[in-house]
Amino acid sequence: MNEVPTNQILSMLPLAVKTALMRGLEPVALPVRTVLYEPERMPDHVHFMTSGMASVVTSMRNGEVVEVGLVGYEGVAEALHLLGPALLQTTCFMQIAGTGLRMRFGHFQQQLFGNEQLLRPVLGYVQYQALVLAQVAACNRLHEVQERFARWLLMVADRVDDPKLGLTQEFLGQMLGSRRSTVTQVAGELQRAGIIHYSRGQVHILNRAALEDVACECYQVTRDALDRFRGTALEAAGSYS
């Protein structure tokens, strides 16, 4: 089997299960703005992310958009669709370009429910994703823009393992449900404090500890959940090596 970029769900699988699954997975490039799934329809594929980051967003009738979740190399973008026939109201698209491994949705669903060793880590990720969705929804309602901005930058950095983030003003405003002028003001304040460097299309985290101090409590909640999931992945990978 050829070496492929890491996905943490795949790393949890016994070698025989992973090898069989890999035969049906197709490597794909995922440029910025690639749509992985759309609202009110079942996806064509499942995407095991191996790099980059996708945003899960909710759109309102007036065109306003707000982010409710993130997917990086820890997960599979279409995880919630696997639970049943209900159609989601969210859109998932690539915000930071990356790569993935994809399979036809129906084919993967058949394999998933016929193999407990595959089902268990996927359901573990679904549970983690549901926790993040709930926490971010509460965060968007209860916390100030600067706290949410810091929380969001940290969550993105955790998924791409890089303090340099390619993010446009448009994306930043949409993800936070705020005006561009508000995002510019908040980013400017953090830059003057020496916490980030912000330029057109690029955010560089200079002082992560200080950014964590600015972030709301929701960051630590979601980070702890991510660490638990990644810890389970490492334990599983070690036991199968």
Protein backbone atom coordinates (compact mmCIF):
# COMPACT_ATOMS: atom_id res chain seq x y z
CA MET A 1 0.00 0.00 0.00
CA ASN A 2 1.37 3.42 -0.97
CA GLU A 3 2.04 5.94 1.78
CA VAL A 4 -0.69 8.57 1.98
CA PRO A 5 -1.16 11.73 4.06
CA THR A 6 -2.59 11.19 7.52
CA ASN A 7 -6.26 11.09 8.41
CA GLN A 8 -6.86 10.33 12.05
CA ILE A 9 -9.97 8.21 11.56
CA LEU A 10 -8.08 6.02 9.10
CA SER A 11 -5.17 5.77 11.53
CA MET A 12 -7.54 4.20 14.10
CA LEU A 13 -8.33 1.23 11.85
CA PRO A 14 -6.74 -2.22 12.02
CA LEU A 15 -4.35 -2.69 9.09
CA ALA A 16 -6.57 -5.19 7.27
CA VAL A 17 -9.60 -2.89 7.52
CA LYS A 18 -7.60 0.16 6.44
CA THR A 19 -6.02 -1.70 3.52
CA ALA A 20 -9.41 -2.87 2.25
CA LEU A 21 -10.89 0.60 2.61
CA MET A 22 -7.96 2.29 0.88
CA ARG A 23 -8.63 0.28 -2.27
CA GLY A 24 -11.83 2.24 -2.74
CA LEU A 25 -10.53 5.68 -1.71
CA GLU A 26 -9.46 8.15 -4.39
CA PRO A 27 -6.91 10.89 -3.57
CA VAL A 28 -8.20 14.34 -4.55
CA ALA A 29 -6.93 17.90 -4.45
CA LEU A 30 -9.29 20.28 -2.65
CA PRO A 31 -8.71 23.91 -3.70
CA VAL A 32 -10.12 26.85 -1.76
CA ARG A 33 -13.94 27.14 -2.13
CA THR A 34 -14.38 23.50 -3.19
CA VAL A 35 -17.86 22.50 -1.99
CA LEU A 36 -17.87 19.14 -0.22
CA TYR A 37 -21.62 19.08 0.39
CA GLU A 38 -24.63 21.36 -0.05
CA PRO A 39 -27.74 21.91 2.09
CA GLU A 40 -30.85 19.76 1.67
CA ARG A 41 -29.20 17.04 -0.38
CA MET A 42 -27.22 13.92 0.33
CA PRO A 43 -23.54 14.20 -0.64
CA ASP A 44 -22.08 12.36 -3.61
CA HIS A 45 -18.92 11.40 -1.74
CA VAL A 46 -17.41 11.13 1.70
CA HIS A 47 -14.12 12.99 2.10
CA PHE A 48 -11.49 11.88 4.58
CA MET A 49 -9.49 15.09 4.98
CA THR A 50 -5.70 14.74 4.87
CA SER A 51 -4.70 18.42 4.82
CA GLY A 52 -6.26 21.86 4.66
CA MET A 53 -9.47 22.90 6.39
CA ALA A 54 -13.16 22.91 5.55
CA SER A 55 -15.81 25.13 7.13
CA VAL A 56 -19.35 24.02 7.96
CA VAL A 57 -21.66 27.02 7.62
CA THR A 58 -25.32 27.89 7.99
CA SER A 59 -26.85 30.40 5.56
CA MET A 60 -29.90 32.58 6.17
CA ARG A 61 -32.45 33.79 3.63
CA ASN A 62 -30.98 37.28 3.69
CA GLY A 63 -27.61 35.89 2.57
CA GLU A 64 -25.87 36.08 5.93
CA VAL A 65 -23.54 33.18 6.68
CA VAL A 66 -22.05 31.96 9.95
CA GLU A 67 -19.71 29.09 10.65
CA VAL A 68 -20.81 26.32 13.01
CA GLY A 69 -17.98 23.81 12.57
CA LEU A 70 -14.53 23.02 11.17
CA VAL A 71 -13.10 19.87 9.61
CA GLY A 72 -9.40 19.12 9.28
CA TYR A 73 -7.30 15.99 8.96
CA GLU A 74 -8.93 14.59 12.10
CA GLY A 75 -12.18 13.83 10.34
CA VAL A 76 -14.54 13.10 7.50
CA ALA A 77 -16.55 16.06 6.24
CA GLU A 78 -19.84 14.21 5.68
CA ALA A 79 -19.87 12.40 9.03
CA LEU A 80 -23.31 13.63 10.17
CA HIS A 81 -24.92 12.51 6.91
CA LEU A 82 -23.94 8.93 7.73
CA LEU A 83 -26.35 8.76 10.67
CA GLY A 84 -29.52 8.60 8.58
CA PRO A 85 -31.61 10.07 5.76
CA ALA A 86 -32.28 13.49 7.33
CA LEU A 87 -31.07 16.34 5.10
CA LEU A 88 -28.75 18.87 6.72
CA GLN A 89 -29.19 22.63 6.36
CA THR A 90 -25.45 23.32 6.32
CA THR A 91 -22.87 23.75 3.57
CA CYS A 92 -19.30 22.49 3.81
CA PHE A 93 -16.56 24.04 1.68
CA MET A 94 -12.78 24.32 1.68
CA GLN A 95 -11.53 27.47 3.35
CA ILE A 96 -7.84 26.49 3.33
CA ALA A 97 -6.75 24.43 0.32
CA GLY A 98 -5.79 20.84 1.03
CA THR A 99 -6.15 17.23 0.04
CA GLY A 100 -8.43 14.34 0.83
CA LEU A 101 -9.37 10.75 0.13
CA ARG A 102 -12.88 10.27 -1.19
CA MET A 103 -15.34 7.45 -1.87
CA ARG A 104 -18.86 7.36 -3.24
CA PHE A 105 -21.19 8.08 -0.34
CA GLY A 106 -23.47 5.07 -0.83
CA HIS A 107 -20.56 2.67 -1.19
CA PHE A 108 -18.95 3.90 2.01
CA GLN A 109 -22.26 3.72 3.89
CA GLN A 110 -22.58 0.05 2.93
CA GLN A 111 -19.09 -0.70 4.18
CA LEU A 112 -19.56 1.33 7.36
CA PHE A 113 -22.56 -0.49 8.76
CA GLY A 114 -21.15 -3.87 7.87
CA ASN A 115 -17.94 -3.43 9.85
CA GLU A 116 -17.89 -2.59 13.55
CA GLN A 117 -14.14 -1.83 13.47
CA LEU A 118 -14.84 0.92 10.93
CA LEU A 119 -18.09 2.08 12.52
CA ARG A 120 -16.65 2.69 15.99
CA PRO A 121 -14.08 5.41 15.09
CA VAL A 122 -16.48 7.10 12.67
CA LEU A 123 -19.15 7.33 15.38
CA GLY A 124 -16.51 8.63 17.79
CA TYR A 125 -15.79 11.43 15.33
CA VAL A 126 -19.52 12.13 14.87
CA GLN A 127 -19.84 12.54 18.62
CA TYR A 128 -16.86 14.90 18.69
CA GLN A 129 -18.26 16.93 15.77
CA ALA A 130 -21.67 17.21 17.46
CA LEU A 131 -19.98 18.57 20.59
CA VAL A 132 -18.14 21.21 18.56
CA LEU A 133 -21.30 22.20 16.66
CA ALA A 134 -23.16 22.75 19.94
CA GLN A 135 -20.30 24.69 21.56
CA VAL A 136 -19.73 26.94 18.55
CA ALA A 137 -23.46 27.67 18.26
CA ALA A 138 -23.49 28.82 21.90
CA CYS A 139 -20.27 30.78 21.39
CA ASN A 140 -21.70 32.67 18.41
CA ARG A 141 -24.65 33.73 20.55
CA LEU A 142 -22.97 34.54 23.87
CA HIS A 143 -19.43 35.78 23.33
CA GLU A 144 -17.90 39.00 22.02
CA VAL A 145 -16.33 39.24 18.57
CA GLN A 146 -12.74 39.49 19.84
CA GLU A 147 -13.12 36.34 21.96
CA ARG A 148 -14.70 34.46 19.07
CA PHE A 149 -12.06 35.69 16.64
CA ALA A 150 -9.27 34.41 18.91
CA ARG A 151 -11.09 31.10 19.49
CA TRP A 152 -11.61 30.63 15.78
CA LEU A 153 -7.99 31.37 14.80
CA LEU A 154 -6.79 28.85 17.37
CA MET A 155 -9.21 26.18 16.10
CA VAL A 156 -8.03 26.73 12.53
CA ALA A 157 -4.36 26.56 13.54
CA ASP A 158 -5.01 23.30 15.41
CA ARG A 159 -6.35 21.72 12.23
CA VAL A 160 -3.62 22.80 9.84
CA ASP A 161 -0.76 22.58 12.38
CA ASP A 162 0.56 25.93 11.19
CA PRO A 163 0.52 29.42 12.78
CA LYS A 164 0.35 30.99 9.29
CA LEU A 165 -3.21 30.96 8.01
CA GLY A 166 -4.36 31.97 4.54
CA LEU A 167 -7.68 33.66 5.32
CA THR A 168 -9.40 36.49 3.45
CA GLN A 169 -11.37 39.29 5.09
CA GLU A 170 -14.50 37.96 3.42
CA PHE A 171 -14.05 34.53 4.97
CA LEU A 172 -13.22 35.98 8.36
CA GLY A 173 -16.37 38.07 8.38
CA GLN A 174 -18.58 35.20 7.24
CA MET A 175 -17.17 32.77 9.76
CA LEU A 176 -17.74 35.14 12.65
CA GLY A 177 -21.07 36.45 11.41
CA SER A 178 -19.63 39.98 11.58
CA ARG A 179 -19.03 42.90 9.25
CA ARG A 180 -15.66 43.22 7.55
CA SER A 181 -15.08 46.52 9.35
CA THR A 182 -15.56 44.78 12.70
CA VAL A 183 -13.14 42.01 11.77
CA THR A 184 -10.59 44.59 10.60
CA GLN A 185 -10.90 46.46 13.89
CA VAL A 186 -10.50 43.32 16.02
CA ALA A 187 -7.58 42.05 13.95
CA GLY A 188 -5.94 45.46 14.20
CA GLU A 189 -6.22 45.44 17.99
CA LEU A 190 -4.60 42.02 18.22
CA GLN A 191 -1.87 43.09 15.81
CA ARG A 192 -1.06 46.22 17.81
CA ALA A 193 -0.79 43.99 20.89
CA GLY A 194 1.80 41.86 19.07
CA ILE A 195 -0.42 38.75 19.18
CA ILE A 196 -0.95 38.32 15.44
CA HIS A 197 0.31 39.81 12.19
CA TYR A 198 -2.58 40.51 9.85
CA SER A 199 -2.27 41.41 6.19
CA ARG A 200 -4.49 40.93 3.17
CA GLY A 201 -5.32 37.23 2.95
CA GLN A 202 -2.87 36.17 5.66
CA VAL A 203 -2.98 35.85 9.45
CA HIS A 204 0.18 34.85 11.32
CA ILE A 205 -0.18 33.90 15.00
CA LEU A 206 2.86 35.43 16.73
CA ASN A 207 1.99 34.76 20.38
CA ARG A 208 -0.22 31.73 20.81
CA ALA A 209 -0.33 31.91 24.62
CA ALA A 210 -1.59 35.49 24.49
CA LEU A 211 -4.18 34.54 21.87
CA GLU A 212 -5.43 31.76 24.14
CA ASP A 213 -5.81 34.34 26.92
CA VAL A 214 -8.01 36.44 24.65
CA ALA A 215 -10.14 33.50 23.48
CA CYS A 216 -13.36 32.58 25.24
CA GLU A 217 -13.80 29.39 27.27
CA CYS A 218 -15.21 27.64 24.20
CA TYR A 219 -11.72 27.20 22.75
CA GLN A 220 -10.53 25.07 25.65
CA VAL A 221 -13.74 23.00 25.59
CA THR A 222 -13.32 22.21 21.90
CA ARG A 223 -9.56 21.75 22.23
CA ASP A 224 -9.98 19.23 25.05
CA ALA A 225 -12.46 17.29 22.92
CA LEU A 226 -10.06 17.34 19.97
CA ASP A 227 -7.18 16.16 22.15
CA ARG A 228 -9.29 13.28 23.47
CA PHE A 229 -10.22 12.23 19.93
CA ARG A 230 -6.64 12.51 18.70
CA GLY A 231 -5.42 10.61 21.76
CA THR A 232 -7.79 7.78 20.92
CA ALA A 233 -6.45 7.81 17.36
CA LEU A 234 -2.84 7.56 18.57
CA GLU A 235 -3.68 4.73 20.97
CA ALA A 236 -5.46 2.82 18.21
CA ALA A 237 -2.62 3.36 15.74
CA GLY A 238 -0.11 2.12 18.33
CA SER A 239 -2.09 -1.01 19.08
CA TYR A 240 -2.29 -1.91 15.37
CA SER A 241 1.31 -1.14 14.46
